[in-house]
Amino acid sequence: MITRRVVVTEPLGLHLRPAGVFCEESLKYESKIQIRKGTSLLNAKSVLGVLAARVQCGDEVELICDGPDEEEAITRLAEILTGDKYN
């Protein structure tokens, strides 16, 4: 299991479209992937879960990945949250 703290730089936070991109990318990995915001721990593979976190620009979240492809997953998902979402 690995974790990484990330400050979200998406200007509107994780509203529907960025949350969808994030979840779509999460589903590509075998690892269990979660987001922690404050005391909430949410499934990163669920659009509704990600939207429920109400992540805004400037918020710090913690990505938690556990599985065989955790290194690749955490690196790519951190890139999405920090602005390199479509490359």
PDB file of N, CA and C in Angstrom:
ATOM      1  N   MET A   1       0.853  -1.184   0.000  1.00  0.00           N
ATOM      2  CA  MET A   1       0.000   0.000   0.000  1.00  0.00           C
ATOM      3  C   MET A   1       0.891   1.238   0.000  1.00  0.00           C
ATOM      4  N   ILE A   2       0.542   2.187  -0.849  1.00  0.00           N
ATOM      5  CA  ILE A   2       1.261   3.462  -0.889  1.00  0.00           C
ATOM      6  C   ILE A   2       0.252   4.600  -0.831  1.00  0.00           C
ATOM      7  N   THR A   3       0.718   5.751  -0.347  1.00  0.00           N
ATOM      8  CA  THR A   3      -0.133   6.939  -0.273  1.00  0.00           C
ATOM      9  C   THR A   3       0.632   8.139  -0.814  1.00  0.00           C
ATOM     10  N   ARG A   4      -0.115   9.121  -1.265  1.00  0.00           N
ATOM     11  CA  ARG A   4       0.485  10.372  -1.726  1.00  0.00           C
ATOM     12  C   ARG A   4      -0.502  11.504  -1.488  1.00  0.00           C
ATOM     13  N   ARG A   5      -0.020  12.570  -0.891  1.00  0.00           N
ATOM     14  CA  ARG A   5      -0.842  13.776  -0.708  1.00  0.00           C
ATOM     15  C   ARG A   5      -0.701  14.643  -1.955  1.00  0.00           C
ATOM     16  N   VAL A   6      -1.832  15.162  -2.406  1.00  0.00           N
ATOM     17  CA  VAL A   6      -1.866  15.950  -3.639  1.00  0.00           C
ATOM     18  C   VAL A   6      -2.756  17.165  -3.413  1.00  0.00           C
ATOM     19  N   VAL A   7      -2.311  18.323  -3.875  1.00  0.00           N
ATOM     20  CA  VAL A   7      -3.148  19.522  -3.866  1.00  0.00           C
ATOM     21  C   VAL A   7      -3.812  19.616  -5.234  1.00  0.00           C
ATOM     22  N   VAL A   8      -5.121  19.658  -5.247  1.00  0.00           N
ATOM     23  CA  VAL A   8      -5.897  19.678  -6.491  1.00  0.00           C
ATOM     24  C   VAL A   8      -5.773  21.047  -7.151  1.00  0.00           C
ATOM     25  N   THR A   9      -5.385  21.052  -8.422  1.00  0.00           N
ATOM     26  CA  THR A   9      -5.223  22.315  -9.152  1.00  0.00           C
ATOM     27  C   THR A   9      -6.254  22.495 -10.257  1.00  0.00           C
ATOM     28  N   GLU A  10      -7.141  21.532 -10.421  1.00  0.00           N
ATOM     29  CA  GLU A  10      -8.239  21.682 -11.385  1.00  0.00           C
ATOM     30  C   GLU A  10      -9.038  22.910 -10.951  1.00  0.00           C
ATOM     31  N   PRO A  11      -9.167  23.941 -11.827  1.00  0.00           N
ATOM     32  CA  PRO A  11      -9.783  25.215 -11.412  1.00  0.00           C
ATOM     33  C   PRO A  11     -11.170  25.097 -10.772  1.00  0.00           C
ATOM     34  N   LEU A  12     -11.989  24.172 -11.228  1.00  0.00           N
ATOM     35  CA  LEU A  12     -13.326  24.020 -10.656  1.00  0.00           C
ATOM     36  C   LEU A  12     -13.428  22.836  -9.712  1.00  0.00           C
ATOM     37  N   GLY A  13     -12.289  22.283  -9.323  1.00  0.00           N
ATOM     38  CA  GLY A  13     -12.299  21.112  -8.448  1.00  0.00           C
ATOM     39  C   GLY A  13     -12.727  19.880  -9.219  1.00  0.00           C
ATOM     40  N   LEU A  14     -13.156  18.867  -8.499  1.00  0.00           N
ATOM     41  CA  LEU A  14     -13.583  17.624  -9.153  1.00  0.00           C
ATOM     42  C   LEU A  14     -15.089  17.641  -9.372  1.00  0.00           C
ATOM     43  N   HIS A  15     -15.533  18.527 -10.267  1.00  0.00           N
ATOM     44  CA  HIS A  15     -16.939  18.516 -10.665  1.00  0.00           C
ATOM     45  C   HIS A  15     -17.123  17.347 -11.621  1.00  0.00           C
ATOM     46  N   LEU A  16     -18.264  17.211 -12.256  1.00  0.00           N
ATOM     47  CA  LEU A  16     -18.623  15.998 -12.982  1.00  0.00           C
ATOM     48  C   LEU A  16     -17.608  15.558 -14.039  1.00  0.00           C
ATOM     49  N   ARG A  17     -17.194  16.445 -14.912  1.00  0.00           N
ATOM     50  CA  ARG A  17     -16.296  16.023 -15.992  1.00  0.00           C
ATOM     51  C   ARG A  17     -14.931  15.570 -15.460  1.00  0.00           C
ATOM     52  N   PRO A  18     -14.223  16.368 -14.652  1.00  0.00           N
ATOM     53  CA  PRO A  18     -12.941  15.892 -14.128  1.00  0.00           C
ATOM     54  C   PRO A  18     -13.086  14.653 -13.235  1.00  0.00           C
ATOM     55  N   ALA A  19     -14.176  14.560 -12.489  1.00  0.00           N
ATOM     56  CA  ALA A  19     -14.400  13.368 -11.661  1.00  0.00           C
ATOM     57  C   ALA A  19     -14.569  12.144 -12.554  1.00  0.00           C
ATOM     58  N   GLY A  20     -15.258  12.310 -13.670  1.00  0.00           N
ATOM     59  CA  GLY A  20     -15.436  11.213 -14.619  1.00  0.00           C
ATOM     60  C   GLY A  20     -14.120  10.770 -15.228  1.00  0.00           C
ATOM     61  N   VAL A  21     -13.280  11.727 -15.606  1.00  0.00           N
ATOM     62  CA  VAL A  21     -11.959  11.409 -16.163  1.00  0.00           C
ATOM     63  C   VAL A  21     -11.129  10.673 -15.113  1.00  0.00           C
ATOM     64  N   PHE A  22     -11.151  11.166 -13.891  1.00  0.00           N
ATOM     65  CA  PHE A  22     -10.396  10.561 -12.797  1.00  0.00           C
ATOM     66  C   PHE A  22     -10.859   9.119 -12.550  1.00  0.00           C
ATOM     67  N   CYS A  23     -12.158   8.912 -12.468  1.00  0.00           N
ATOM     68  CA  CYS A  23     -12.688   7.572 -12.205  1.00  0.00           C
ATOM     69  C   CYS A  23     -12.430   6.625 -13.374  1.00  0.00           C
ATOM     70  N   GLU A  24     -12.583   7.123 -14.584  1.00  0.00           N
ATOM     71  CA  GLU A  24     -12.321   6.305 -15.767  1.00  0.00           C
ATOM     72  C   GLU A  24     -10.875   5.803 -15.754  1.00  0.00           C
ATOM     73  N   GLU A  25      -9.958   6.688 -15.388  1.00  0.00           N
ATOM     74  CA  GLU A  25      -8.549   6.301 -15.303  1.00  0.00           C
ATOM     75  C   GLU A  25      -8.336   5.313 -14.151  1.00  0.00           C
ATOM     76  N   SER A  26      -8.993   5.523 -13.025  1.00  0.00           N
ATOM     77  CA  SER A  26      -8.873   4.622 -11.868  1.00  0.00           C
ATOM     78  C   SER A  26      -9.298   3.199 -12.215  1.00  0.00           C
ATOM     79  N   LEU A  27     -10.323   3.093 -13.050  1.00  0.00           N
ATOM     80  CA  LEU A  27     -10.841   1.774 -13.420  1.00  0.00           C
ATOM     81  C   LEU A  27      -9.865   0.959 -14.267  1.00  0.00           C
ATOM     82  N   LYS A  28      -8.858   1.603 -14.813  1.00  0.00           N
ATOM     83  CA  LYS A  28      -7.871   0.901 -15.627  1.00  0.00           C
ATOM     84  C   LYS A  28      -6.897   0.079 -14.787  1.00  0.00           C
ATOM     85  N   TYR A  29      -6.897   0.322 -13.482  1.00  0.00           N
ATOM     86  CA  TYR A  29      -5.927  -0.328 -12.607  1.00  0.00           C
ATOM     87  C   TYR A  29      -6.580  -1.404 -11.753  1.00  0.00           C
ATOM     88  N   GLU A  30      -5.812  -2.441 -11.500  1.00  0.00           N
ATOM     89  CA  GLU A  30      -6.266  -3.548 -10.672  1.00  0.00           C
ATOM     90  C   GLU A  30      -6.293  -3.167  -9.189  1.00  0.00           C
ATOM     91  N   SER A  31      -5.432  -2.275  -8.798  1.00  0.00           N
ATOM     92  CA  SER A  31      -5.291  -1.881  -7.395  1.00  0.00           C
ATOM     93  C   SER A  31      -6.578  -1.287  -6.833  1.00  0.00           C
ATOM     94  N   LYS A  32      -6.749  -1.453  -5.533  1.00  0.00           N
ATOM     95  CA  LYS A  32      -7.812  -0.749  -4.820  1.00  0.00           C
ATOM     96  C   LYS A  32      -7.336   0.689  -4.682  1.00  0.00           C
ATOM     97  N   ILE A  33      -8.170   1.647  -5.058  1.00  0.00           N
ATOM     98  CA  ILE A  33      -7.778   3.053  -5.043  1.00  0.00           C
ATOM     99  C   ILE A  33      -8.816   3.848  -4.260  1.00  0.00           C
ATOM    100  N   GLN A  34      -8.330   4.625  -3.299  1.00  0.00           N
ATOM    101  CA  GLN A  34      -9.210   5.434  -2.478  1.00  0.00           C
ATOM    102  C   GLN A  34      -8.684   6.861  -2.400  1.00  0.00           C
ATOM    103  N   ILE A  35      -9.599   7.771  -2.085  1.00  0.00           N
ATOM    104  CA  ILE A  35      -9.253   9.175  -1.841  1.00  0.00           C
ATOM    105  C   ILE A  35      -9.684   9.508  -0.421  1.00  0.00           C
ATOM    106  N   ARG A  36      -8.781  10.139   0.320  1.00  0.00           N
ATOM    107  CA  ARG A  36      -9.136  10.618   1.652  1.00  0.00           C
ATOM    108  C   ARG A  36      -9.146  12.141   1.605  1.00  0.00           C
ATOM    109  N   LYS A  37     -10.278  12.706   2.014  1.00  0.00           N
ATOM    110  CA  LYS A  37     -10.383  14.161   2.173  1.00  0.00           C
ATOM    111  C   LYS A  37     -10.929  14.390   3.569  1.00  0.00           C
ATOM    112  N   GLY A  38     -10.100  14.970   4.398  1.00  0.00           N
ATOM    113  CA  GLY A  38     -10.497  15.141   5.793  1.00  0.00           C
ATOM    114  C   GLY A  38     -10.664  13.779   6.432  1.00  0.00           C
ATOM    115  N   THR A  39     -11.828  13.521   6.993  1.00  0.00           N
ATOM    116  CA  THR A  39     -12.093  12.226   7.613  1.00  0.00           C
ATOM    117  C   THR A  39     -12.817  11.268   6.678  1.00  0.00           C
ATOM    118  N   SER A  40     -13.153  11.722   5.473  1.00  0.00           N
ATOM    119  CA  SER A  40     -13.865  10.872   4.511  1.00  0.00           C
ATOM    120  C   SER A  40     -12.893  10.032   3.702  1.00  0.00           C
ATOM    121  N   LEU A  41     -13.200   8.758   3.562  1.00  0.00           N
ATOM    122  CA  LEU A  41     -12.411   7.844   2.747  1.00  0.00           C
ATOM    123  C   LEU A  41     -13.343   7.275   1.687  1.00  0.00           C
ATOM    124  N   LEU A  42     -13.040   7.579   0.416  1.00  0.00           N
ATOM    125  CA  LEU A  42     -13.963   7.270  -0.668  1.00  0.00           C
ATOM    126  C   LEU A  42     -13.327   6.410  -1.746  1.00  0.00           C
ATOM    127  N   ASN A  43     -14.159   5.630  -2.413  1.00  0.00           N
ATOM    128  CA  ASN A  43     -13.731   4.787  -3.519  1.00  0.00           C
ATOM    129  C   ASN A  43     -13.455   5.662  -4.740  1.00  0.00           C
ATOM    130  N   ALA A  44     -12.214   5.656  -5.218  1.00  0.00           N
ATOM    131  CA  ALA A  44     -11.831   6.491  -6.361  1.00  0.00           C
ATOM    132  C   ALA A  44     -12.360   5.951  -7.680  1.00  0.00           C
ATOM    133  N   LYS A  45     -12.918   4.754  -7.668  1.00  0.00           N
ATOM    134  CA  LYS A  45     -13.460   4.168  -8.895  1.00  0.00           C
ATOM    135  C   LYS A  45     -14.954   4.440  -9.040  1.00  0.00           C
ATOM    136  N   SER A  46     -15.512   5.226  -8.136  1.00  0.00           N
ATOM    137  CA  SER A  46     -16.935   5.563  -8.148  1.00  0.00           C
ATOM    138  C   SER A  46     -17.108   7.068  -8.372  1.00  0.00           C
ATOM    139  N   VAL A  47     -17.744   7.434  -9.473  1.00  0.00           N
ATOM    140  CA  VAL A  47     -17.977   8.856  -9.759  1.00  0.00           C
ATOM    141  C   VAL A  47     -18.784   9.490  -8.631  1.00  0.00           C
ATOM    142  N   LEU A  48     -19.797   8.800  -8.160  1.00  0.00           N
ATOM    143  CA  LEU A  48     -20.612   9.361  -7.071  1.00  0.00           C
ATOM    144  C   LEU A  48     -19.793   9.541  -5.803  1.00  0.00           C
ATOM    145  N   GLY A  49     -18.910   8.599  -5.521  1.00  0.00           N
ATOM    146  CA  GLY A  49     -18.045   8.725  -4.354  1.00  0.00           C
ATOM    147  C   GLY A  49     -17.123   9.916  -4.460  1.00  0.00           C
ATOM    148  N   VAL A  50     -16.526  10.099  -5.636  1.00  0.00           N
ATOM    149  CA  VAL A  50     -15.615  11.223  -5.852  1.00  0.00           C
ATOM    150  C   VAL A  50     -16.382  12.543  -5.772  1.00  0.00           C
ATOM    151  N   LEU A  51     -17.553  12.606  -6.373  1.00  0.00           N
ATOM    152  CA  LEU A  51     -18.361  13.827  -6.311  1.00  0.00           C
ATOM    153  C   LEU A  51     -18.783  14.135  -4.870  1.00  0.00           C
ATOM    154  N   ALA A  52     -19.071  13.091  -4.104  1.00  0.00           N
ATOM    155  CA  ALA A  52     -19.502  13.282  -2.716  1.00  0.00           C
ATOM    156  C   ALA A  52     -18.409  13.915  -1.856  1.00  0.00           C
ATOM    157  N   ALA A  53     -17.155  13.762  -2.264  1.00  0.00           N
ATOM    158  CA  ALA A  53     -16.052  14.349  -1.502  1.00  0.00           C
ATOM    159  C   ALA A  53     -16.028  15.871  -1.603  1.00  0.00           C
ATOM    160  N   ARG A  54     -16.691  16.417  -2.619  1.00  0.00           N
ATOM    161  CA  ARG A  54     -16.736  17.875  -2.830  1.00  0.00           C
ATOM    162  C   ARG A  54     -15.333  18.489  -2.853  1.00  0.00           C
ATOM    163  N   VAL A  55     -14.474  17.918  -3.674  1.00  0.00           N
ATOM    164  CA  VAL A  55     -13.096  18.377  -3.779  1.00  0.00           C
ATOM    165  C   VAL A  55     -13.045  19.659  -4.597  1.00  0.00           C
ATOM    166  N   GLN A  56     -12.491  20.707  -4.011  1.00  0.00           N
ATOM    167  CA  GLN A  56     -12.380  22.013  -4.647  1.00  0.00           C
ATOM    168  C   GLN A  56     -10.920  22.293  -5.021  1.00  0.00           C
ATOM    169  N   CYS A  57     -10.727  23.252  -5.901  1.00  0.00           N
ATOM    170  CA  CYS A  57      -9.379  23.677  -6.255  1.00  0.00           C
ATOM    171  C   CYS A  57      -8.671  24.156  -4.987  1.00  0.00           C
ATOM    172  N   GLY A  58      -7.446  23.677  -4.794  1.00  0.00           N
ATOM    173  CA  GLY A  58      -6.671  24.042  -3.618  1.00  0.00           C
ATOM    174  C   GLY A  58      -6.795  23.073  -2.454  1.00  0.00           C
ATOM    175  N   ASP A  59      -7.771  22.164  -2.524  1.00  0.00           N
ATOM    176  CA  ASP A  59      -7.923  21.162  -1.467  1.00  0.00           C
ATOM    177  C   ASP A  59      -6.781  20.155  -1.527  1.00  0.00           C
ATOM    178  N   GLU A  60      -6.362  19.693  -0.371  1.00  0.00           N
ATOM    179  CA  GLU A  60      -5.381  18.616  -0.316  1.00  0.00           C
ATOM    180  C   GLU A  60      -6.118  17.311  -0.062  1.00  0.00           C
ATOM    181  N   VAL A  61      -5.837  16.326  -0.903  1.00  0.00           N
ATOM    182  CA  VAL A  61      -6.408  14.999  -0.729  1.00  0.00           C
ATOM    183  C   VAL A  61      -5.266  13.994  -0.636  1.00  0.00           C
ATOM    184  N   GLU A  62      -5.577  12.839  -0.111  1.00  0.00           N
ATOM    185  CA  GLU A  62      -4.591  11.769  -0.041  1.00  0.00           C
ATOM    186  C   GLU A  62      -5.067  10.625  -0.924  1.00  0.00           C
ATOM    187  N   LEU A  63      -4.231  10.227  -1.874  1.00  0.00           N
ATOM    188  CA  LEU A  63      -4.508   9.060  -2.705  1.00  0.00           C
ATOM    189  C   LEU A  63      -3.934   7.846  -1.987  1.00  0.00           C
ATOM    190  N   ILE A  64      -4.701   6.776  -1.957  1.00  0.00           N
ATOM    191  CA  ILE A  64      -4.269   5.535  -1.320  1.00  0.00           C
ATOM    192  C   ILE A  64      -4.460   4.417  -2.338  1.00  0.00           C
ATOM    193  N   CYS A  65      -3.374   3.755  -2.695  1.00  0.00           N
ATOM    194  CA  CYS A  65      -3.424   2.667  -3.676  1.00  0.00           C
ATOM    195  C   CYS A  65      -2.838   1.411  -3.058  1.00  0.00           C
ATOM    196  N   ASP A  66      -3.499   0.299  -3.309  1.00  0.00           N
ATOM    197  CA  ASP A  66      -3.045  -0.974  -2.776  1.00  0.00           C
ATOM    198  C   ASP A  66      -3.284  -2.062  -3.809  1.00  0.00           C
ATOM    199  N   GLY A  67      -2.212  -2.577  -4.377  1.00  0.00           N
ATOM    200  CA  GLY A  67      -2.348  -3.648  -5.347  1.00  0.00           C
ATOM    201  C   GLY A  67      -1.125  -3.774  -6.229  1.00  0.00           C
ATOM    202  N   PRO A  68      -1.207  -4.635  -7.226  1.00  0.00           N
ATOM    203  CA  PRO A  68      -0.038  -4.945  -8.049  1.00  0.00           C
ATOM    204  C   PRO A  68       0.460  -3.795  -8.928  1.00  0.00           C
ATOM    205  N   ASP A  69      -0.407  -2.878  -9.270  1.00  0.00           N
ATOM    206  CA  ASP A  69      -0.014  -1.760 -10.137  1.00  0.00           C
ATOM    207  C   ASP A  69      -0.134  -0.418  -9.410  1.00  0.00           C
ATOM    208  N   GLU A  70       0.061  -0.443  -8.095  1.00  0.00           N
ATOM    209  CA  GLU A  70      -0.154   0.748  -7.258  1.00  0.00           C
ATOM    210  C   GLU A  70       0.764   1.914  -7.612  1.00  0.00           C
ATOM    211  N   GLU A  71       2.017   1.639  -7.940  1.00  0.00           N
ATOM    212  CA  GLU A  71       2.961   2.723  -8.279  1.00  0.00           C
ATOM    213  C   GLU A  71       2.501   3.466  -9.533  1.00  0.00           C
ATOM    214  N   GLU A  72       2.172   2.720 -10.557  1.00  0.00           N
ATOM    215  CA  GLU A  72       1.710   3.324 -11.812  1.00  0.00           C
ATOM    216  C   GLU A  72       0.402   4.082 -11.594  1.00  0.00           C
ATOM    217  N   ALA A  73      -0.507   3.475 -10.847  1.00  0.00           N
ATOM    218  CA  ALA A  73      -1.812   4.093 -10.597  1.00  0.00           C
ATOM    219  C   ALA A  73      -1.678   5.412  -9.843  1.00  0.00           C
ATOM    220  N   ILE A  74      -0.903   5.414  -8.771  1.00  0.00           N
ATOM    221  CA  ILE A  74      -0.816   6.625  -7.949  1.00  0.00           C
ATOM    222  C   ILE A  74      -0.138   7.755  -8.715  1.00  0.00           C
ATOM    223  N   THR A  75       0.853   7.399  -9.537  1.00  0.00           N
ATOM    224  CA  THR A  75       1.538   8.425 -10.325  1.00  0.00           C
ATOM    225  C   THR A  75       0.580   9.053 -11.329  1.00  0.00           C
ATOM    226  N   ARG A  76      -0.156   8.231 -12.068  1.00  0.00           N
ATOM    227  CA  ARG A  76      -1.075   8.751 -13.093  1.00  0.00           C
ATOM    228  C   ARG A  76      -2.224   9.545 -12.476  1.00  0.00           C
ATOM    229  N   LEU A  77      -2.778   9.054 -11.393  1.00  0.00           N
ATOM    230  CA  LEU A  77      -3.912   9.745 -10.776  1.00  0.00           C
ATOM    231  C   LEU A  77      -3.484  11.061 -10.142  1.00  0.00           C
ATOM    232  N   ALA A  78      -2.296  11.116  -9.591  1.00  0.00           N
ATOM    233  CA  ALA A  78      -1.777  12.382  -9.062  1.00  0.00           C
ATOM    234  C   ALA A  78      -1.594  13.391 -10.191  1.00  0.00           C
ATOM    235  N   GLU A  79      -1.149  12.928 -11.355  1.00  0.00           N
ATOM    236  CA  GLU A  79      -1.002  13.814 -12.520  1.00  0.00           C
ATOM    237  C   GLU A  79      -2.349  14.419 -12.909  1.00  0.00           C
ATOM    238  N   ILE A  80      -3.387  13.603 -12.880  1.00  0.00           N
ATOM    239  CA  ILE A  80      -4.727  14.092 -13.231  1.00  0.00           C
ATOM    240  C   ILE A  80      -5.167  15.182 -12.261  1.00  0.00           C
ATOM    241  N   LEU A  81      -4.965  14.960 -10.978  1.00  0.00           N
ATOM    242  CA  LEU A  81      -5.394  15.935  -9.968  1.00  0.00           C
ATOM    243  C   LEU A  81      -4.589  17.214 -10.004  1.00  0.00           C
ATOM    244  N   THR A  82      -3.364  17.146 -10.516  1.00  0.00           N
ATOM    245  CA  THR A  82      -2.526  18.333 -10.546  1.00  0.00           C
ATOM    246  C   THR A  82      -2.449  18.993 -11.919  1.00  0.00           C
ATOM    247  N   GLY A  83      -3.324  18.589 -12.823  1.00  0.00           N
ATOM    248  CA  GLY A  83      -3.454  19.327 -14.067  1.00  0.00           C
ATOM    249  C   GLY A  83      -2.993  18.666 -15.341  1.00  0.00           C
ATOM    250  N   ASP A  84      -2.306  17.538 -15.290  1.00  0.00           N
ATOM    251  CA  ASP A  84      -1.868  16.881 -16.509  1.00  0.00           C
ATOM    252  C   ASP A  84      -2.878  15.776 -16.862  1.00  0.00           C
ATOM    253  N   LYS A  85      -4.144  16.144 -16.925  1.00  0.00           N
ATOM    254  CA  LYS A  85      -5.206  15.164 -16.976  1.00  0.00           C
ATOM    255  C   LYS A  85      -5.420  14.461 -18.304  1.00  0.00           C
ATOM    256  N   TYR A  86      -5.078  15.077 -19.402  1.00  0.00           N
ATOM    257  CA  TYR A  86      -5.443  14.484 -20.682  1.00  0.00           C
ATOM    258  C   TYR A  86      -4.248  13.957 -21.462  1.00  0.00           C
ATOM    259  N   ASN A  87      -3.050  14.036 -20.905  1.00  0.00           N
ATOM    260  CA  ASN A  87      -1.850  13.577 -21.617  1.00  0.00           C
ATOM    261  C   ASN A  87      -1.424  12.203 -21.145  1.00  0.00           C
TER     262      ASN A  87
END
